[in-house]
């Protein structure tokens, strides 16, 4: 069975053909249920990489993958934003981590999900864990955290083990497969709003159209920094807004939101040294930003992306309107308190107070 699908997509650039909706769903079922041999899996993934996925294939793969695992059971009235972070970072710090915490402190609910299997590209779980925020919770606990605190991180391998196993194949293949965009489209809690980051231009419009096919109500697709869902503070950012089947392309610059243009150095990651393990310097920077101890471009970058999330959550009428809300969350101490709540620091303080009482 798998051979015919490999033959259809693997005949070369001129002779290969796209799978239909039903064929793509059937392929995903064969893969998830282990009915393809390892050789067939590798052959199909590489053939698809060369051909490139069509809109229909991306949507059908995602629809089929969703059928195997029930969505997280979150309250329908939660102002929830789905925030997939699968790219990993080499050159910049994870502004999305600070942005998500700020947005949560200002009334949004953010479900961040990702995967820590990209060689030499640490993902968002690294700084989150260094901040004391759990990154290994089972789906039921993730739902509880999200509902109670407005933020949670979901390890996709714990939520959808088959998908996690296919993401692992990047180590063997040396390249990404269509499972990476599928993970970004998965939307584990079926949030009404999604913010998705991309790097590869061919996927930009495709992802918007695939989301539309999947019935997405609202999505912001960003030509993100290193592929993560982040607007740049150092350059113009391309963005597509999908809202009730209407697709609007935008080009956004920091000055559009009253923020000064930053530099690449502003966004630079801290290199790990012998004295500090991976993620510690980054976590310190994010903690200081949230505690209102940083001024300048680094803070502006995090504020810009917190504003993006507040807009996506419906807590701000525009990204521009979200900027002062994010700044106020930092200056009022709300962002620092949210970090304490998420990391359990407030619980430790309460325990210590009780012990000394």
Protein backbone atom coordinates (compact mmCIF):
# COMPACT_ATOMS: atom_id res chain seq x y z
CA UNK A 1 0.00 0.00 0.00
CA UNK A 2 2.72 2.47 0.98
CA UNK A 3 4.64 1.74 -2.21
CA UNK A 4 1.97 3.32 -4.40
CA UNK A 5 2.07 6.56 -2.43
CA UNK A 6 5.87 6.69 -2.52
CA UNK A 7 5.71 6.16 -6.29
CA UNK A 8 3.15 8.94 -6.72
CA UNK A 9 5.13 11.61 -4.86
CA UNK A 10 8.62 10.35 -5.69
CA UNK A 11 8.80 10.38 -9.48
CA UNK A 12 10.81 13.56 -9.68
CA UNK A 13 9.91 17.22 -9.98
CA UNK A 14 8.14 16.89 -13.35
CA UNK A 15 6.39 13.55 -12.92
CA UNK A 16 5.49 13.54 -9.21
CA UNK A 17 1.90 14.28 -8.20
CA UNK A 18 0.24 15.59 -5.06
CA UNK A 19 -1.81 13.25 -2.90
CA UNK A 20 -5.52 13.80 -2.62
CA UNK A 21 -7.12 14.62 0.75
CA UNK A 22 -8.10 10.98 1.34
CA UNK A 23 -4.74 9.63 0.14
CA UNK A 24 -2.85 11.97 2.48
CA UNK A 25 -5.03 10.92 5.42
CA UNK A 26 -4.48 7.28 4.53
CA UNK A 27 -0.70 7.79 4.43
CA UNK A 28 -0.73 9.43 7.86
CA UNK A 29 -2.74 6.52 9.26
CA UNK A 30 -0.25 4.02 7.82
CA UNK A 31 2.64 5.96 9.36
CA UNK A 32 1.09 6.45 12.79
CA UNK A 33 -0.13 2.87 13.03
CA UNK A 34 3.28 1.48 12.11
CA UNK A 35 2.15 -0.16 8.89
CA UNK A 36 5.08 1.23 6.88
CA UNK A 37 8.57 -0.26 7.08
CA UNK A 38 11.48 1.97 8.20
CA UNK A 39 12.73 2.07 4.60
CA UNK A 40 9.30 3.14 3.36
CA UNK A 41 9.05 5.82 6.04
CA UNK A 42 12.43 7.29 5.12
CA UNK A 43 11.69 7.11 1.40
CA UNK A 44 8.31 8.80 1.75
CA UNK A 45 9.58 11.58 4.01
CA UNK A 46 12.46 12.43 1.68
CA UNK A 47 10.27 12.21 -1.42
CA UNK A 48 7.84 14.65 0.19
CA UNK A 49 10.72 16.92 1.17
CA UNK A 50 11.83 17.12 -2.47
CA UNK A 51 8.32 17.49 -3.90
CA UNK A 52 7.14 19.83 -1.10
CA UNK A 53 3.75 19.47 0.51
CA UNK A 54 0.65 20.90 -1.08
CA UNK A 55 -1.91 22.81 0.98
CA UNK A 56 -4.27 19.83 0.83
CA UNK A 57 -1.56 17.42 1.98
CA UNK A 58 -0.57 19.61 4.95
CA UNK A 59 -4.18 20.00 6.06
CA UNK A 60 -5.02 16.33 5.57
CA UNK A 61 -1.90 15.12 7.40
CA UNK A 62 -2.83 17.38 10.32
CA UNK A 63 -6.50 16.36 10.32
CA UNK A 64 -5.51 12.68 10.41
CA UNK A 65 -2.95 13.19 13.19
CA UNK A 66 -5.56 15.01 15.30
CA UNK A 67 -7.89 12.00 15.13
CA UNK A 68 -5.55 9.83 17.21
CA UNK A 69 -5.35 12.01 20.33
CA UNK A 70 -8.24 13.93 21.94
CA UNK A 71 -7.74 17.67 22.37
CA UNK A 72 -6.92 19.17 25.75
CA UNK A 73 -10.16 19.86 27.60
CA UNK A 74 -9.89 23.58 28.35
CA UNK A 75 -12.82 25.92 29.10
CA UNK A 76 -14.35 27.32 25.91
CA UNK A 77 -14.32 30.89 27.24
CA UNK A 78 -10.55 30.94 27.84
CA UNK A 79 -8.84 33.71 25.77
CA UNK A 80 -6.48 31.06 24.49
CA UNK A 81 -3.64 31.39 22.01
CA UNK A 82 -1.90 28.33 20.58
CA UNK A 83 1.85 29.05 20.38
CA UNK A 84 3.91 26.29 18.70
CA UNK A 85 7.70 26.63 19.15
CA UNK A 86 9.54 23.97 17.16
CA UNK A 87 12.42 25.76 15.43
CA UNK A 88 14.98 25.99 18.21
CA UNK A 89 17.45 28.87 18.46
CA UNK A 90 21.12 29.33 17.62
CA UNK A 91 21.66 33.08 17.37
CA UNK A 92 18.91 34.79 19.38
CA UNK A 93 17.29 34.45 22.78
CA UNK A 94 13.73 33.14 23.16
CA UNK A 95 11.71 36.37 23.29
CA UNK A 96 8.53 34.29 22.99
CA UNK A 97 9.08 32.88 26.49
CA UNK A 98 9.11 36.31 28.15
CA UNK A 99 6.34 37.51 25.85
CA UNK A 100 4.06 34.61 26.77
CA UNK A 101 4.51 35.20 30.51
CA UNK A 102 3.81 38.92 30.12
CA UNK A 103 0.72 38.21 28.01
CA UNK A 104 -0.53 35.72 30.60
CA UNK A 105 -0.04 38.34 33.34
CA UNK A 106 -2.20 40.75 31.30
CA UNK A 107 -5.13 38.36 30.95
CA UNK A 108 -4.32 36.15 27.96
CA UNK A 109 -3.99 32.37 28.13
CA UNK A 110 -1.04 30.90 26.23
CA UNK A 111 -0.45 27.25 25.42
CA UNK A 112 3.15 26.92 24.27
CA UNK A 113 4.13 23.56 22.82
CA UNK A 114 7.34 22.29 21.38
CA UNK A 115 9.95 19.62 21.11
CA UNK A 116 13.55 19.43 22.28
CA UNK A 117 15.09 17.23 19.61
CA UNK A 118 16.71 19.60 17.11
CA UNK A 119 20.50 19.16 17.30
CA UNK A 120 22.36 22.27 18.54
CA UNK A 121 19.17 24.33 18.56
CA UNK A 122 17.75 24.56 22.09
CA UNK A 123 14.01 25.16 22.18
CA UNK A 124 11.77 27.07 24.55
CA UNK A 125 11.77 24.27 27.12
CA UNK A 126 15.39 25.10 28.02
CA UNK A 127 14.86 28.67 29.33
CA UNK A 128 11.45 27.73 30.75
CA UNK A 129 13.00 24.96 32.85
CA UNK A 130 15.78 27.30 34.00
CA UNK A 131 13.06 29.73 35.10
CA UNK A 132 11.52 26.94 37.18
CA UNK A 133 8.50 26.46 34.94
CA UNK A 134 7.61 22.77 34.38
CA UNK A 135 8.15 21.45 30.86
CA UNK A 136 7.42 17.75 31.38
CA UNK A 137 3.81 17.74 32.56
CA UNK A 138 1.34 15.15 31.35
CA UNK A 139 -1.51 16.58 29.24
CA UNK A 140 -4.03 16.53 32.12
CA UNK A 141 -1.68 18.59 34.31
CA UNK A 142 -0.97 20.95 31.41
CA UNK A 143 -4.71 21.57 31.12
CA UNK A 144 -4.95 22.29 34.85
CA UNK A 145 -2.00 24.71 34.76
CA UNK A 146 -3.32 26.49 31.70
CA UNK A 147 -6.80 26.90 33.15
CA UNK A 148 -5.59 28.06 36.56
CA UNK A 149 -2.60 30.21 35.62
CA UNK A 150 -3.01 31.27 31.99
CA UNK A 151 0.18 29.66 30.74
CA UNK A 152 1.50 26.14 30.28
CA UNK A 153 4.10 24.33 28.20
CA UNK A 154 3.23 21.04 26.50
CA UNK A 155 5.93 18.65 25.33
CA UNK A 156 4.43 17.35 22.10
CA UNK A 157 6.02 13.91 22.61
CA UNK A 158 4.02 13.52 25.85
CA UNK A 159 0.81 14.65 24.18
CA UNK A 160 1.14 12.86 20.82
CA UNK A 161 3.84 10.13 21.13
CA UNK A 162 3.66 9.00 17.46
CA UNK A 163 4.26 12.55 16.29
CA UNK A 164 7.16 12.87 18.71
CA UNK A 165 8.75 9.71 17.30
CA UNK A 166 8.54 11.05 13.75
CA UNK A 167 10.06 14.36 14.83
CA UNK A 168 12.93 12.30 16.27
CA UNK A 169 13.73 11.06 12.77
CA UNK A 170 15.37 14.39 12.00
CA UNK A 171 18.45 13.06 13.77
CA UNK A 172 18.65 10.14 11.34
CA UNK A 173 17.57 11.95 8.19
CA UNK A 174 19.55 15.13 8.79
CA UNK A 175 16.67 17.29 7.51
CA UNK A 176 13.20 18.26 8.66
CA UNK A 177 10.13 16.47 7.40
CA UNK A 178 6.48 17.45 6.96
CA UNK A 179 5.92 16.41 10.57
CA UNK A 180 7.39 19.75 11.66
CA UNK A 181 4.71 21.93 10.00
CA UNK A 182 2.10 19.35 11.08
CA UNK A 183 3.21 19.81 14.71
CA UNK A 184 2.81 23.58 14.31
CA UNK A 185 -0.68 23.11 12.87
CA UNK A 186 -1.78 20.51 15.43
CA UNK A 187 -3.34 22.98 17.92
CA UNK A 188 -3.64 20.53 20.86
CA UNK A 189 -6.31 22.54 22.71
CA UNK A 190 -8.12 23.61 19.50
CA UNK A 191 -7.57 27.23 20.49
CA UNK A 192 -9.59 29.80 18.61
CA UNK A 193 -6.40 31.76 17.90
CA UNK A 194 -2.97 30.59 16.72
CA UNK A 195 0.38 32.34 16.30
CA UNK A 196 2.75 30.37 14.07
CA UNK A 197 6.33 31.17 13.10
CA UNK A 198 8.04 30.11 9.87
CA UNK A 199 11.32 30.66 8.06
CA UNK A 200 10.80 29.05 4.65
CA UNK A 201 8.97 31.42 2.24
CA UNK A 202 7.23 28.62 0.27
CA UNK A 203 5.30 27.64 3.42
CA UNK A 204 4.03 31.10 4.21
CA UNK A 205 0.82 31.23 2.20
CA UNK A 206 0.49 27.43 2.34
CA UNK A 207 0.15 27.44 6.11
CA UNK A 208 -2.56 30.10 5.98
CA UNK A 209 -4.50 28.14 3.37
CA UNK A 210 -4.05 24.86 5.29
CA UNK A 211 -5.35 26.52 8.47
CA UNK A 212 -8.30 27.76 6.50
CA UNK A 213 -9.03 24.22 5.29
CA UNK A 214 -8.81 22.99 8.87
CA UNK A 215 -11.45 25.52 9.95
CA UNK A 216 -9.16 27.84 11.91
CA UNK A 217 -11.01 30.96 13.07
CA UNK A 218 -7.99 33.17 13.60
CA UNK A 219 -4.27 32.85 13.00
CA UNK A 220 -1.23 35.08 12.76
CA UNK A 221 1.53 33.53 10.65
CA UNK A 222 4.87 35.26 11.15
CA UNK A 223 8.06 35.14 9.13
CA UNK A 224 9.62 34.59 12.52
CA UNK A 225 13.06 35.10 14.01
CA UNK A 226 14.90 31.80 13.39
CA UNK A 227 11.52 30.26 12.63
CA UNK A 228 9.95 30.89 16.02
CA UNK A 229 6.67 32.86 16.33
CA UNK A 230 8.38 36.20 16.99
CA UNK A 231 8.30 39.58 15.28
CA UNK A 232 11.76 41.08 14.80
CA UNK A 233 12.83 44.27 16.59
CA UNK A 234 15.72 44.72 14.12
CA UNK A 235 13.92 44.52 10.77
CA UNK A 236 10.53 44.45 9.08
CA UNK A 237 8.54 41.26 9.68
CA UNK A 238 6.20 39.67 7.19
CA UNK A 239 2.91 38.52 8.69
CA UNK A 240 -0.30 36.99 7.39
CA UNK A 241 -3.48 37.39 9.39
CA UNK A 242 -6.20 34.82 8.84
CA UNK A 243 -9.52 35.87 10.30
CA UNK A 244 -12.82 34.21 9.50
CA UNK A 245 -11.53 32.93 6.13
CA UNK A 246 -10.11 36.35 5.18
CA UNK A 247 -6.35 36.44 4.55
CA UNK A 248 -4.51 39.76 4.97
CA UNK A 249 -0.75 40.06 4.25
CA UNK A 250 1.14 42.67 6.29
CA UNK A 251 4.67 44.03 6.61
CA UNK A 252 5.35 45.27 10.14
CA UNK A 253 8.18 47.36 11.56
CA UNK A 254 8.95 48.29 15.17
CA UNK A 255 8.24 51.97 14.45
CA UNK A 256 4.67 50.98 13.55
CA UNK A 257 4.19 50.26 17.25
CA UNK A 258 6.09 53.24 18.67
CA UNK A 259 9.22 51.22 19.39
CA UNK A 260 12.75 52.12 18.25
CA UNK A 261 14.49 49.91 15.72
CA UNK A 262 16.83 47.49 17.47
CA UNK A 263 19.83 45.60 16.15
CA UNK A 264 20.72 41.96 15.66
CA UNK A 265 22.92 42.34 18.74
CA UNK A 266 19.78 43.30 20.67
CA UNK A 267 18.31 39.87 19.98
CA UNK A 268 21.56 37.91 20.34
CA UNK A 269 21.70 34.79 22.45
CA UNK A 270 24.19 34.48 25.27
CA UNK A 271 26.85 31.90 24.39
CA UNK A 272 27.09 29.13 26.94
CA UNK A 273 30.31 29.22 28.92
CA UNK A 274 31.98 26.72 31.18
CA UNK A 275 30.66 28.64 34.16
CA UNK A 276 27.05 28.57 33.06
CA UNK A 277 25.03 25.72 31.65
CA UNK A 278 22.86 26.10 28.57
CA UNK A 279 19.99 28.48 29.14
CA UNK A 280 21.05 29.97 32.50
CA UNK A 281 22.19 33.35 31.13
CA UNK A 282 19.11 33.53 28.96
CA UNK A 283 16.85 32.72 31.91
CA UNK A 284 18.59 35.44 33.95
CA UNK A 285 17.96 37.97 31.17
CA UNK A 286 14.28 36.97 30.87
CA UNK A 287 13.85 37.08 34.65
CA UNK A 288 15.38 40.57 34.79
CA UNK A 289 13.11 41.79 31.99
CA UNK A 290 10.04 40.43 33.77
CA UNK A 291 11.20 42.06 37.01
CA UNK A 292 11.46 45.47 35.30
CA UNK A 293 15.26 45.55 35.64
CA UNK A 294 16.10 45.91 31.93
CA UNK A 295 15.66 48.90 29.65
CA UNK A 296 16.32 49.17 25.94
CA UNK A 297 16.13 46.89 22.95
CA UNK A 298 15.96 43.53 24.70
CA UNK A 299 12.94 44.59 26.73
CA UNK A 300 11.38 46.26 23.67
CA UNK A 301 11.69 43.01 21.72
CA UNK A 302 9.90 41.01 24.40
CA UNK A 303 7.25 43.74 24.79
CA UNK A 304 6.60 43.76 21.01
CA UNK A 305 5.92 40.02 21.02
CA UNK A 306 3.82 40.18 24.18
CA UNK A 307 1.70 42.77 22.33
CA UNK A 308 1.36 40.36 19.41
CA UNK A 309 0.03 37.66 21.77
CA UNK A 310 -2.35 40.06 23.51
CA UNK A 311 -3.75 41.02 20.12
CA UNK A 312 -4.07 37.35 19.15
CA UNK A 313 -5.91 36.64 22.42
CA UNK A 314 -8.36 39.47 21.85
CA UNK A 315 -7.02 41.39 24.85
CA UNK A 316 -5.87 44.28 22.66
CA UNK A 317 -7.60 45.80 19.64
CA UNK A 318 -4.31 45.89 17.72
CA UNK A 319 -0.64 45.04 18.22
CA UNK A 320 -0.01 48.75 18.84
CA UNK A 321 -2.66 48.77 21.56
CA UNK A 322 -0.98 45.75 23.12
CA UNK A 323 2.38 47.52 23.60
CA UNK A 324 1.33 49.76 26.54
CA UNK A 325 -0.55 46.83 28.10
CA UNK A 326 2.63 44.74 28.00
CA UNK A 327 4.74 47.62 29.36
CA UNK A 328 2.25 48.17 32.18
CA UNK A 329 2.34 44.45 33.06
CA UNK A 330 6.09 44.74 33.58
CA UNK A 331 6.06 48.08 35.41
CA UNK A 332 3.20 47.12 37.74
CA UNK A 333 4.95 43.93 38.84
CA UNK A 334 2.25 41.72 37.31
CA UNK A 335 4.75 39.99 34.99
CA UNK A 336 7.11 39.21 37.88
CA UNK A 337 4.24 37.88 39.96
CA UNK A 338 3.11 35.69 37.07
CA UNK A 339 6.62 34.25 36.79
CA UNK A 340 6.57 33.48 40.53
CA UNK A 341 3.16 31.83 40.17
CA UNK A 342 4.25 29.69 37.21
CA UNK A 343 7.53 28.64 38.81
CA UNK A 344 5.97 27.85 42.16
CA UNK A 345 8.09 30.50 43.91
CA UNK A 346 5.01 31.91 45.63
CA UNK A 347 4.28 28.47 47.07
CA UNK A 348 7.83 28.18 48.44
CA UNK A 349 7.53 31.65 49.97
CA UNK A 350 4.25 30.72 51.61
CA UNK A 351 5.72 27.51 53.00
CA UNK A 352 8.76 29.36 54.36
CA UNK A 353 6.51 31.99 55.95
CA UNK A 354 4.44 29.30 57.63
CA UNK A 355 7.58 27.57 58.93
CA UNK A 356 8.87 30.80 60.49
CA UNK A 357 5.47 31.81 61.90
